[in-house]
mmCIF file of all heavy atoms, coordinates in Angstrom:
data_MODEL
# 
_entry.id   MODEL 
# 
loop_
_atom_site.group_PDB 
_atom_site.id 
_atom_site.type_symbol 
_atom_site.label_atom_id 
_atom_site.label_alt_id 
_atom_site.label_comp_id 
_atom_site.label_asym_id 
_atom_site.label_entity_id 
_atom_site.label_seq_id 
_atom_site.pdbx_PDB_ins_code 
_atom_site.Cartn_x 
_atom_site.Cartn_y 
_atom_site.Cartn_z 
_atom_site.occupancy 
_atom_site.B_iso_or_equiv 
_atom_site.pdbx_formal_charge 
_atom_site.auth_seq_id 
_atom_site.auth_comp_id 
_atom_site.auth_asym_id 
_atom_site.auth_atom_id 
_atom_site.pdbx_PDB_model_num 
ATOM 1   N N   . MET A 1 1  ? -25.109 58.914 8.652  1.00 0.00 ? 1  MET A N   1 
ATOM 2   C CA  . MET A 1 1  ? -24.562 57.870 9.521  1.00 0.00 ? 1  MET A CA  1 
ATOM 3   C C   . MET A 1 1  ? -25.695 56.980 9.958  1.00 0.00 ? 1  MET A C   1 
ATOM 4   O O   . MET A 1 1  ? -26.671 57.397 10.582 1.00 0.00 ? 1  MET A O   1 
ATOM 5   C CB  . MET A 1 1  ? -23.821 58.489 10.731 1.00 0.00 ? 1  MET A CB  1 
ATOM 6   C CG  . MET A 1 1  ? -22.761 59.487 10.393 1.00 0.00 ? 1  MET A CG  1 
ATOM 7   S SD  . MET A 1 1  ? -21.892 60.102 11.788 1.00 0.00 ? 1  MET A SD  1 
ATOM 8   C CE  . MET A 1 1  ? -23.107 60.964 12.751 1.00 0.00 ? 1  MET A CE  1 
ATOM 9   N N   . LYS A 1 2  ? -25.521 55.660 9.702  1.00 0.00 ? 2  LYS A N   1 
ATOM 10  C CA  . LYS A 1 2  ? -26.544 54.674 10.075 1.00 0.00 ? 2  LYS A CA  1 
ATOM 11  C C   . LYS A 1 2  ? -25.838 53.553 10.916 1.00 0.00 ? 2  LYS A C   1 
ATOM 12  O O   . LYS A 1 2  ? -24.624 53.434 10.979 1.00 0.00 ? 2  LYS A O   1 
ATOM 13  C CB  . LYS A 1 2  ? -27.140 54.050 8.787  1.00 0.00 ? 2  LYS A CB  1 
ATOM 14  C CG  . LYS A 1 2  ? -27.910 54.978 8.004  1.00 0.00 ? 2  LYS A CG  1 
ATOM 15  C CD  . LYS A 1 2  ? -28.521 54.338 6.738  1.00 0.00 ? 2  LYS A CD  1 
ATOM 16  C CE  . LYS A 1 2  ? -29.191 55.366 5.861  1.00 0.00 ? 2  LYS A CE  1 
ATOM 17  N NZ  . LYS A 1 2  ? -29.825 54.715 4.645  1.00 0.00 ? 2  LYS A NZ  1 
ATOM 18  N N   . SER A 1 3  ? -26.647 52.757 11.585 1.00 0.00 ? 3  SER A N   1 
ATOM 19  C CA  . SER A 1 3  ? -26.137 51.623 12.387 1.00 0.00 ? 3  SER A CA  1 
ATOM 20  C C   . SER A 1 3  ? -25.064 52.155 13.265 1.00 0.00 ? 3  SER A C   1 
ATOM 21  O O   . SER A 1 3  ? -24.021 51.516 13.448 1.00 0.00 ? 3  SER A O   1 
ATOM 22  C CB  . SER A 1 3  ? -25.667 50.551 11.536 1.00 0.00 ? 3  SER A CB  1 
ATOM 23  O OG  . SER A 1 3  ? -26.703 50.046 10.639 1.00 0.00 ? 3  SER A OG  1 
ATOM 24  N N   . LEU A 1 4  ? -25.319 53.209 13.961 1.00 0.00 ? 4  LEU A N   1 
ATOM 25  C CA  . LEU A 1 4  ? -24.224 53.833 14.822 1.00 0.00 ? 4  LEU A CA  1 
ATOM 26  C C   . LEU A 1 4  ? -23.890 53.010 16.002 1.00 0.00 ? 4  LEU A C   1 
ATOM 27  O O   . LEU A 1 4  ? -24.748 52.307 16.555 1.00 0.00 ? 4  LEU A O   1 
ATOM 28  C CB  . LEU A 1 4  ? -24.706 55.242 15.282 1.00 0.00 ? 4  LEU A CB  1 
ATOM 29  C CG  . LEU A 1 4  ? -24.626 56.311 14.215 1.00 0.00 ? 4  LEU A CG  1 
ATOM 30  C CD1 . LEU A 1 4  ? -25.453 57.559 14.620 1.00 0.00 ? 4  LEU A CD1 1 
ATOM 31  C CD2 . LEU A 1 4  ? -23.154 56.757 14.086 1.00 0.00 ? 4  LEU A CD2 1 
ATOM 32  N N   . LYS A 1 5  ? -22.585 53.010 16.313 1.00 0.00 ? 5  LYS A N   1 
ATOM 33  C CA  . LYS A 1 5  ? -22.072 52.238 17.445 1.00 0.00 ? 5  LYS A CA  1 
ATOM 34  C C   . LYS A 1 5  ? -21.511 53.146 18.457 1.00 0.00 ? 5  LYS A C   1 
ATOM 35  O O   . LYS A 1 5  ? -21.125 54.328 18.167 1.00 0.00 ? 5  LYS A O   1 
ATOM 36  C CB  . LYS A 1 5  ? -20.946 51.302 16.913 1.00 0.00 ? 5  LYS A CB  1 
ATOM 37  C CG  . LYS A 1 5  ? -21.386 50.423 15.771 1.00 0.00 ? 5  LYS A CG  1 
ATOM 38  C CD  . LYS A 1 5  ? -20.231 49.603 15.240 1.00 0.00 ? 5  LYS A CD  1 
ATOM 39  C CE  . LYS A 1 5  ? -20.614 48.770 14.024 1.00 0.00 ? 5  LYS A CE  1 
ATOM 40  N NZ  . LYS A 1 5  ? -19.463 48.031 13.546 1.00 0.00 ? 5  LYS A NZ  1 
ATOM 41  N N   . PRO A 1 6  ? -21.388 52.704 19.736 1.00 0.00 ? 6  PRO A N   1 
ATOM 42  C CA  . PRO A 1 6  ? -20.834 53.517 20.770 1.00 0.00 ? 6  PRO A CA  1 
ATOM 43  C C   . PRO A 1 6  ? -19.402 54.025 20.433 1.00 0.00 ? 6  PRO A C   1 
ATOM 44  O O   . PRO A 1 6  ? -18.944 55.100 20.807 1.00 0.00 ? 6  PRO A O   1 
ATOM 45  C CB  . PRO A 1 6  ? -20.753 52.657 21.990 1.00 0.00 ? 6  PRO A CB  1 
ATOM 46  C CG  . PRO A 1 6  ? -21.962 51.709 21.817 1.00 0.00 ? 6  PRO A CG  1 
ATOM 47  C CD  . PRO A 1 6  ? -21.968 51.519 20.294 1.00 0.00 ? 6  PRO A CD  1 
ATOM 48  N N   . GLU A 1 7  ? -18.615 53.192 19.677 1.00 0.00 ? 7  GLU A N   1 
ATOM 49  C CA  . GLU A 1 7  ? -17.295 53.621 19.249 1.00 0.00 ? 7  GLU A CA  1 
ATOM 50  C C   . GLU A 1 7  ? -17.301 54.754 18.182 1.00 0.00 ? 7  GLU A C   1 
ATOM 51  O O   . GLU A 1 7  ? -16.250 55.288 17.894 1.00 0.00 ? 7  GLU A O   1 
ATOM 52  C CB  . GLU A 1 7  ? -16.530 52.461 18.787 1.00 0.00 ? 7  GLU A CB  1 
ATOM 53  C CG  . GLU A 1 7  ? -17.143 51.543 17.694 1.00 0.00 ? 7  GLU A CG  1 
ATOM 54  C CD  . GLU A 1 7  ? -17.877 50.393 18.308 1.00 0.00 ? 7  GLU A CD  1 
ATOM 55  O OE1 . GLU A 1 7  ? -18.522 50.523 19.417 1.00 0.00 ? 7  GLU A OE1 1 
ATOM 56  O OE2 . GLU A 1 7  ? -17.814 49.274 17.709 1.00 0.00 ? 7  GLU A OE2 1 
ATOM 57  N N   . ASP A 1 8  ? -18.449 55.112 17.679 1.00 0.00 ? 8  ASP A N   1 
ATOM 58  C CA  . ASP A 1 8  ? -18.510 56.219 16.748 1.00 0.00 ? 8  ASP A CA  1 
ATOM 59  C C   . ASP A 1 8  ? -18.638 57.593 17.562 1.00 0.00 ? 8  ASP A C   1 
ATOM 60  O O   . ASP A 1 8  ? -18.586 58.687 16.972 1.00 0.00 ? 8  ASP A O   1 
ATOM 61  C CB  . ASP A 1 8  ? -19.772 56.123 15.893 1.00 0.00 ? 8  ASP A CB  1 
ATOM 62  C CG  . ASP A 1 8  ? -19.678 54.955 14.924 1.00 0.00 ? 8  ASP A CG  1 
ATOM 63  O OD1 . ASP A 1 8  ? -18.618 54.726 14.320 1.00 0.00 ? 8  ASP A OD1 1 
ATOM 64  O OD2 . ASP A 1 8  ? -20.687 54.266 14.719 1.00 0.00 ? 8  ASP A OD2 1 
ATOM 65  N N   . THR A 1 9  ? -18.762 57.456 18.867 1.00 0.00 ? 9  THR A N   1 
ATOM 66  C CA  . THR A 1 9  ? -18.858 58.738 19.675 1.00 0.00 ? 9  THR A CA  1 
ATOM 67  C C   . THR A 1 9  ? -17.609 59.521 19.538 1.00 0.00 ? 9  THR A C   1 
ATOM 68  O O   . THR A 1 9  ? -16.513 59.032 19.742 1.00 0.00 ? 9  THR A O   1 
ATOM 69  C CB  . THR A 1 9  ? -19.074 58.349 21.169 1.00 0.00 ? 9  THR A CB  1 
ATOM 70  O OG1 . THR A 1 9  ? -20.351 57.725 21.274 1.00 0.00 ? 9  THR A OG1 1 
ATOM 71  C CG2 . THR A 1 9  ? -19.052 59.585 22.060 1.00 0.00 ? 9  THR A CG2 1 
ATOM 72  N N   . ALA A 1 10 ? -17.771 60.839 19.175 1.00 0.00 ? 10 ALA A N   1 
ATOM 73  C CA  . ALA A 1 10 ? -16.654 61.684 19.007 1.00 0.00 ? 10 ALA A CA  1 
ATOM 74  C C   . ALA A 1 10 ? -17.132 63.113 18.622 1.00 0.00 ? 10 ALA A C   1 
ATOM 75  O O   . ALA A 1 10 ? -18.378 63.236 18.387 1.00 0.00 ? 10 ALA A O   1 
ATOM 76  C CB  . ALA A 1 10 ? -15.698 61.158 17.862 1.00 0.00 ? 10 ALA A CB  1 
ATOM 77  N N   . VAL A 1 11 ? -16.257 63.967 18.623 1.00 0.00 ? 11 VAL A N   1 
ATOM 78  C CA  . VAL A 1 11 ? -16.537 65.318 17.918 1.00 0.00 ? 11 VAL A CA  1 
ATOM 79  C C   . VAL A 1 11 ? -16.189 65.143 16.455 1.00 0.00 ? 11 VAL A C   1 
ATOM 80  O O   . VAL A 1 11 ? -15.080 64.703 16.100 1.00 0.00 ? 11 VAL A O   1 
ATOM 81  C CB  . VAL A 1 11 ? -15.756 66.457 18.550 1.00 0.00 ? 11 VAL A CB  1 
ATOM 82  C CG1 . VAL A 1 11 ? -15.997 67.753 17.823 1.00 0.00 ? 11 VAL A CG1 1 
ATOM 83  C CG2 . VAL A 1 11 ? -16.029 66.626 20.059 1.00 0.00 ? 11 VAL A CG2 1 
ATOM 84  N N   . TYR A 1 12 ? -17.145 65.489 15.654 1.00 0.00 ? 12 TYR A N   1 
ATOM 85  C CA  . TYR A 1 12 ? -16.908 65.362 14.228 1.00 0.00 ? 12 TYR A CA  1 
ATOM 86  C C   . TYR A 1 12 ? -16.680 66.706 13.570 1.00 0.00 ? 12 TYR A C   1 
ATOM 87  O O   . TYR A 1 12 ? -17.332 67.656 13.795 1.00 0.00 ? 12 TYR A O   1 
ATOM 88  C CB  . TYR A 1 12 ? -18.181 64.792 13.492 1.00 0.00 ? 12 TYR A CB  1 
ATOM 89  C CG  . TYR A 1 12 ? -18.285 63.226 13.769 1.00 0.00 ? 12 TYR A CG  1 
ATOM 90  C CD1 . TYR A 1 12 ? -18.504 62.753 15.025 1.00 0.00 ? 12 TYR A CD1 1 
ATOM 91  C CD2 . TYR A 1 12 ? -18.088 62.377 12.673 1.00 0.00 ? 12 TYR A CD2 1 
ATOM 92  C CE1 . TYR A 1 12 ? -18.620 61.400 15.196 1.00 0.00 ? 12 TYR A CE1 1 
ATOM 93  C CE2 . TYR A 1 12 ? -18.110 60.957 12.914 1.00 0.00 ? 12 TYR A CE2 1 
ATOM 94  C CZ  . TYR A 1 12 ? -18.409 60.496 14.144 1.00 0.00 ? 12 TYR A CZ  1 
ATOM 95  O OH  . TYR A 1 12 ? -18.473 59.144 14.408 1.00 0.00 ? 12 TYR A OH  1 
ATOM 96  N N   . TYR A 1 13 ? -15.588 66.773 12.766 1.00 0.00 ? 13 TYR A N   1 
ATOM 97  C CA  . TYR A 1 13 ? -15.135 67.997 12.152 1.00 0.00 ? 13 TYR A CA  1 
ATOM 98  C C   . TYR A 1 13 ? -15.278 67.954 10.648 1.00 0.00 ? 13 TYR A C   1 
ATOM 99  O O   . TYR A 1 13 ? -14.894 66.894 10.039 1.00 0.00 ? 13 TYR A O   1 
ATOM 100 C CB  . TYR A 1 13 ? -13.701 68.269 12.517 1.00 0.00 ? 13 TYR A CB  1 
ATOM 101 C CG  . TYR A 1 13 ? -13.409 68.460 13.962 1.00 0.00 ? 13 TYR A CG  1 
ATOM 102 C CD1 . TYR A 1 13 ? -13.041 67.388 14.828 1.00 0.00 ? 13 TYR A CD1 1 
ATOM 103 C CD2 . TYR A 1 13 ? -13.421 69.755 14.553 1.00 0.00 ? 13 TYR A CD2 1 
ATOM 104 C CE1 . TYR A 1 13 ? -12.853 67.602 16.186 1.00 0.00 ? 13 TYR A CE1 1 
ATOM 105 C CE2 . TYR A 1 13 ? -13.207 69.955 15.887 1.00 0.00 ? 13 TYR A CE2 1 
ATOM 106 C CZ  . TYR A 1 13 ? -12.883 68.848 16.691 1.00 0.00 ? 13 TYR A CZ  1 
ATOM 107 O OH  . TYR A 1 13 ? -12.644 69.086 18.038 1.00 0.00 ? 13 TYR A OH  1 
ATOM 108 N N   . CYS A 1 14 ? -15.647 69.017 10.087 1.00 0.00 ? 14 CYS A N   1 
ATOM 109 C CA  . CYS A 1 14 ? -15.750 69.193 8.630  1.00 0.00 ? 14 CYS A CA  1 
ATOM 110 C C   . CYS A 1 14 ? -14.394 69.857 8.245  1.00 0.00 ? 14 CYS A C   1 
ATOM 111 O O   . CYS A 1 14 ? -13.831 70.712 8.985  1.00 0.00 ? 14 CYS A O   1 
ATOM 112 C CB  . CYS A 1 14 ? -16.862 70.088 8.277  1.00 0.00 ? 14 CYS A CB  1 
ATOM 113 S SG  . CYS A 1 14 ? -16.964 70.688 6.652  1.00 0.00 ? 14 CYS A SG  1 
ATOM 114 N N   . ALA A 1 15 ? -13.835 69.418 7.092  1.00 0.00 ? 15 ALA A N   1 
ATOM 115 C CA  . ALA A 1 15 ? -12.544 69.930 6.573  1.00 0.00 ? 15 ALA A CA  1 
ATOM 116 C C   . ALA A 1 15 ? -12.605 70.193 5.088  1.00 0.00 ? 15 ALA A C   1 
ATOM 117 O O   . ALA A 1 15 ? -13.409 69.435 4.414  1.00 0.00 ? 15 ALA A O   1 
ATOM 118 C CB  . ALA A 1 15 ? -11.408 69.033 7.029  1.00 0.00 ? 15 ALA A CB  1 
ATOM 119 N N   . ALA A 1 16 ? -11.793 71.076 4.595  1.00 0.00 ? 16 ALA A N   1 
ATOM 120 C CA  . ALA A 1 16 ? -11.670 71.340 3.166  1.00 0.00 ? 16 ALA A CA  1 
ATOM 121 C C   . ALA A 1 16 ? -10.200 71.518 2.816  1.00 0.00 ? 16 ALA A C   1 
ATOM 122 O O   . ALA A 1 16 ? -9.466  72.171 3.572  1.00 0.00 ? 16 ALA A O   1 
ATOM 123 C CB  . ALA A 1 16 ? -12.534 72.529 2.779  1.00 0.00 ? 16 ALA A CB  1 
ATOM 124 N N   . GLY A 1 17 ? -9.903  71.125 1.585  1.00 0.00 ? 17 GLY A N   1 
ATOM 125 C CA  . GLY A 1 17 ? -8.495  71.376 1.057  1.00 0.00 ? 17 GLY A CA  1 
ATOM 126 C C   . GLY A 1 17 ? -8.455  71.103 -0.390 1.00 0.00 ? 17 GLY A C   1 
ATOM 127 O O   . GLY A 1 17 ? -9.317  70.422 -0.930 1.00 0.00 ? 17 GLY A O   1 
ATOM 128 N N   . PRO A 1 18 ? -7.318  71.509 -1.096 1.00 0.00 ? 18 PRO A N   1 
ATOM 129 C CA  . PRO A 1 18 ? -7.179  71.154 -2.501 1.00 0.00 ? 18 PRO A CA  1 
ATOM 130 C C   . PRO A 1 18 ? -7.209  69.701 -2.704 1.00 0.00 ? 18 PRO A C   1 
ATOM 131 O O   . PRO A 1 18 ? -6.456  68.979 -2.036 1.00 0.00 ? 18 PRO A O   1 
ATOM 132 C CB  . PRO A 1 18 ? -5.851  71.868 -2.752 1.00 0.00 ? 18 PRO A CB  1 
ATOM 133 C CG  . PRO A 1 18 ? -5.616  72.883 -1.718 1.00 0.00 ? 18 PRO A CG  1 
ATOM 134 C CD  . PRO A 1 18 ? -6.320  72.325 -0.535 1.00 0.00 ? 18 PRO A CD  1 
ATOM 135 N N   . GLU A 1 19 ? -8.010  69.279 -3.671 1.00 0.00 ? 19 GLU A N   1 
ATOM 136 C CA  . GLU A 1 19 ? -8.204  67.789 -3.841 1.00 0.00 ? 19 GLU A CA  1 
ATOM 137 C C   . GLU A 1 19 ? -6.912  67.076 -4.128 1.00 0.00 ? 19 GLU A C   1 
ATOM 138 O O   . GLU A 1 19 ? -6.683  66.024 -3.612 1.00 0.00 ? 19 GLU A O   1 
ATOM 139 C CB  . GLU A 1 19 ? -9.198  67.554 -4.986 1.00 0.00 ? 19 GLU A CB  1 
ATOM 140 C CG  . GLU A 1 19 ? -9.467  66.084 -5.169 1.00 0.00 ? 19 GLU A CG  1 
ATOM 141 C CD  . GLU A 1 19 ? -10.523 65.750 -6.154 1.00 0.00 ? 19 GLU A CD  1 
ATOM 142 O OE1 . GLU A 1 19 ? -11.292 66.736 -6.587 1.00 0.00 ? 19 GLU A OE1 1 
ATOM 143 O OE2 . GLU A 1 19 ? -10.680 64.571 -6.565 1.00 0.00 ? 19 GLU A OE2 1 
ATOM 144 N N   . GLN A 1 20 ? -6.056  67.681 -5.001 1.00 0.00 ? 20 GLN A N   1 
ATOM 145 C CA  . GLN A 1 20 ? -4.822  67.069 -5.338 1.00 0.00 ? 20 GLN A CA  1 
ATOM 146 C C   . GLN A 1 20 ? -3.946  66.801 -4.133 1.00 0.00 ? 20 GLN A C   1 
ATOM 147 O O   . GLN A 1 20 ? -3.392  65.729 -3.985 1.00 0.00 ? 20 GLN A O   1 
ATOM 148 C CB  . GLN A 1 20 ? -4.065  67.948 -6.310 1.00 0.00 ? 20 GLN A CB  1 
ATOM 149 C CG  . GLN A 1 20 ? -2.883  67.189 -6.984 1.00 0.00 ? 20 GLN A CG  1 
ATOM 150 C CD  . GLN A 1 20 ? -2.265  68.037 -8.138 1.00 0.00 ? 20 GLN A CD  1 
ATOM 151 O OE1 . GLN A 1 20 ? -2.541  69.247 -8.284 1.00 0.00 ? 20 GLN A OE1 1 
ATOM 152 N NE2 . GLN A 1 20 ? -1.471  67.396 -8.956 1.00 0.00 ? 20 GLN A NE2 1 
ATOM 153 N N   . LYS A 1 21 ? -3.871  67.797 -3.236 1.00 0.00 ? 21 LYS A N   1 
ATOM 154 C CA  . LYS A 1 21 ? -3.043  67.672 -2.059 1.00 0.00 ? 21 LYS A CA  1 
ATOM 155 C C   . LYS A 1 21 ? -3.683  66.627 -1.090 1.00 0.00 ? 21 LYS A C   1 
ATOM 156 O O   . LYS A 1 21 ? -3.001  65.857 -0.387 1.00 0.00 ? 21 LYS A O   1 
ATOM 157 C CB  . LYS A 1 21 ? -2.891  68.954 -1.323 1.00 0.00 ? 21 LYS A CB  1 
ATOM 158 C CG  . LYS A 1 21 ? -2.014  69.986 -2.128 1.00 0.00 ? 21 LYS A CG  1 
ATOM 159 C CD  . LYS A 1 21 ? -1.757  71.226 -1.244 1.00 0.00 ? 21 LYS A CD  1 
ATOM 160 C CE  . LYS A 1 21 ? -0.819  72.195 -2.002 1.00 0.00 ? 21 LYS A CE  1 
ATOM 161 N NZ  . LYS A 1 21 ? -0.640  73.444 -1.173 1.00 0.00 ? 21 LYS A NZ  1 
ATOM 162 N N   . VAL A 1 22 ? -5.007  66.680 -0.973 1.00 0.00 ? 22 VAL A N   1 
ATOM 163 C CA  . VAL A 1 22 ? -5.730  65.747 -0.043 1.00 0.00 ? 22 VAL A CA  1 
ATOM 164 C C   . VAL A 1 22 ? -5.478  64.346 -0.494 1.00 0.00 ? 22 VAL A C   1 
ATOM 165 O O   . VAL A 1 22 ? -5.130  63.429 0.372  1.00 0.00 ? 22 VAL A O   1 
ATOM 166 C CB  . VAL A 1 22 ? -7.223  66.086 -0.035 1.00 0.00 ? 22 VAL A CB  1 
ATOM 167 C CG1 . VAL A 1 22 ? -8.009  64.906 0.574  1.00 0.00 ? 22 VAL A CG1 1 
ATOM 168 C CG2 . VAL A 1 22 ? -7.463  67.396 0.633  1.00 0.00 ? 22 VAL A CG2 1 
ATOM 169 N N   . VAL A 1 23 ? -5.615  64.037 -1.791 1.00 0.00 ? 23 VAL A N   1 
ATOM 170 C CA  . VAL A 1 23 ? -5.452  62.673 -2.249 1.00 0.00 ? 23 VAL A CA  1 
ATOM 171 C C   . VAL A 1 23 ? -3.945  62.274 -2.146 1.00 0.00 ? 23 VAL A C   1 
ATOM 172 O O   . VAL A 1 23 ? -3.627  61.127 -1.674 1.00 0.00 ? 23 VAL A O   1 
ATOM 173 C CB  . VAL A 1 23 ? -5.926  62.531 -3.731 1.00 0.00 ? 23 VAL A CB  1 
ATOM 174 C CG1 . VAL A 1 23 ? -5.524  61.180 -4.302 1.00 0.00 ? 23 VAL A CG1 1 
ATOM 175 C CG2 . VAL A 1 23 ? -7.383  62.797 -3.779 1.00 0.00 ? 23 VAL A CG2 1 
ATOM 176 N N   . ALA A 1 24 ? -3.046  63.199 -2.500 1.00 0.00 ? 24 ALA A N   1 
ATOM 177 C CA  . ALA A 1 24 ? -1.639  62.890 -2.389 1.00 0.00 ? 24 ALA A CA  1 
ATOM 178 C C   . ALA A 1 24 ? -1.199  62.570 -0.935 1.00 0.00 ? 24 ALA A C   1 
ATOM 179 O O   . ALA A 1 24 ? -0.362  61.788 -0.613 1.00 0.00 ? 24 ALA A O   1 
ATOM 180 C CB  . ALA A 1 24 ? -0.766  63.961 -2.994 1.00 0.00 ? 24 ALA A CB  1 
ATOM 181 N N   . GLY A 1 25 ? -1.902  63.298 -0.089 1.00 0.00 ? 25 GLY A N   1 
ATOM 182 C CA  . GLY A 1 25 ? -1.617  63.113 1.400  1.00 0.00 ? 25 GLY A CA  1 
ATOM 183 C C   . GLY A 1 25 ? -2.338  61.990 2.001  1.00 0.00 ? 25 GLY A C   1 
ATOM 184 O O   . GLY A 1 25 ? -2.256  61.761 3.215  1.00 0.00 ? 25 GLY A O   1 
ATOM 185 N N   . ARG A 1 26 ? -2.991  61.201 1.186  1.00 0.00 ? 26 ARG A N   1 
ATOM 186 C CA  . ARG A 1 26 ? -3.715  59.947 1.555  1.00 0.00 ? 26 ARG A CA  1 
ATOM 187 C C   . ARG A 1 26 ? -4.766  60.294 2.730  1.00 0.00 ? 26 ARG A C   1 
ATOM 188 O O   . ARG A 1 26 ? -4.821  59.465 3.713  1.00 0.00 ? 26 ARG A O   1 
ATOM 189 C CB  . ARG A 1 26 ? -2.741  58.838 1.961  1.00 0.00 ? 26 ARG A CB  1 
ATOM 190 C CG  . ARG A 1 26 ? -1.855  58.451 0.792  1.00 0.00 ? 26 ARG A CG  1 
ATOM 191 C CD  . ARG A 1 26 ? -1.001  57.305 1.121  1.00 0.00 ? 26 ARG A CD  1 
ATOM 192 N NE  . ARG A 1 26 ? -0.244  56.853 -0.004 1.00 0.00 ? 26 ARG A NE  1 
ATOM 193 C CZ  . ARG A 1 26 ? 0.538   55.807 -0.006 1.00 0.00 ? 26 ARG A CZ  1 
ATOM 194 N NH1 . ARG A 1 26 ? 0.635   55.023 1.029  1.00 0.00 ? 26 ARG A NH1 1 
ATOM 195 N NH2 . ARG A 1 26 ? 1.284   55.547 -1.091 1.00 0.00 ? 26 ARG A NH2 1 
ATOM 196 N N   . PHE A 1 27 ? -5.377  61.340 2.607  1.00 0.00 ? 27 PHE A N   1 
ATOM 197 C CA  . PHE A 1 27 ? -6.517  61.744 3.464  1.00 0.00 ? 27 PHE A CA  1 
ATOM 198 C C   . PHE A 1 27 ? -6.079  62.031 4.936  1.00 0.00 ? 27 PHE A C   1 
ATOM 199 O O   . PHE A 1 27 ? -6.795  61.870 5.903  1.00 0.00 ? 27 PHE A O   1 
ATOM 200 C CB  . PHE A 1 27 ? -7.620  60.778 3.423  1.00 0.00 ? 27 PHE A CB  1 
ATOM 201 C CG  . PHE A 1 27 ? -8.083  60.521 2.014  1.00 0.00 ? 27 PHE A CG  1 
ATOM 202 C CD1 . PHE A 1 27 ? -7.772  59.365 1.335  1.00 0.00 ? 27 PHE A CD1 1 
ATOM 203 C CD2 . PHE A 1 27 ? -8.899  61.554 1.322  1.00 0.00 ? 27 PHE A CD2 1 
ATOM 204 C CE1 . PHE A 1 27 ? -8.176  59.173 0.016  1.00 0.00 ? 27 PHE A CE1 1 
ATOM 205 C CE2 . PHE A 1 27 ? -9.265  61.343 0.011  1.00 0.00 ? 27 PHE A CE2 1 
ATOM 206 C CZ  . PHE A 1 27 ? -8.911  60.164 -0.669 1.00 0.00 ? 27 PHE A CZ  1 
ATOM 207 N N   . THR A 1 28 ? -4.762  62.298 5.082  1.00 0.00 ? 28 THR A N   1 
ATOM 208 C CA  . THR A 1 28 ? -4.316  62.752 6.454  1.00 0.00 ? 28 THR A CA  1 
ATOM 209 C C   . THR A 1 28 ? -4.842  64.226 6.665  1.00 0.00 ? 28 THR A C   1 
ATOM 210 O O   . THR A 1 28 ? -5.297  64.870 5.745  1.00 0.00 ? 28 THR A O   1 
ATOM 211 C CB  . THR A 1 28 ? -2.832  62.667 6.527  1.00 0.00 ? 28 THR A CB  1 
ATOM 212 O OG1 . THR A 1 28 ? -2.230  63.407 5.448  1.00 0.00 ? 28 THR A OG1 1 
ATOM 213 C CG2 . THR A 1 28 ? -2.331  61.229 6.463  1.00 0.00 ? 28 THR A CG2 1 
# 
């Protein structure tokens, strides 16, 4: 992450899932 802004402040979570489902779900 570069050029960070105050609005980037958050808890960041890592996630994993079957690629086909992830893409079909439009990254929800």
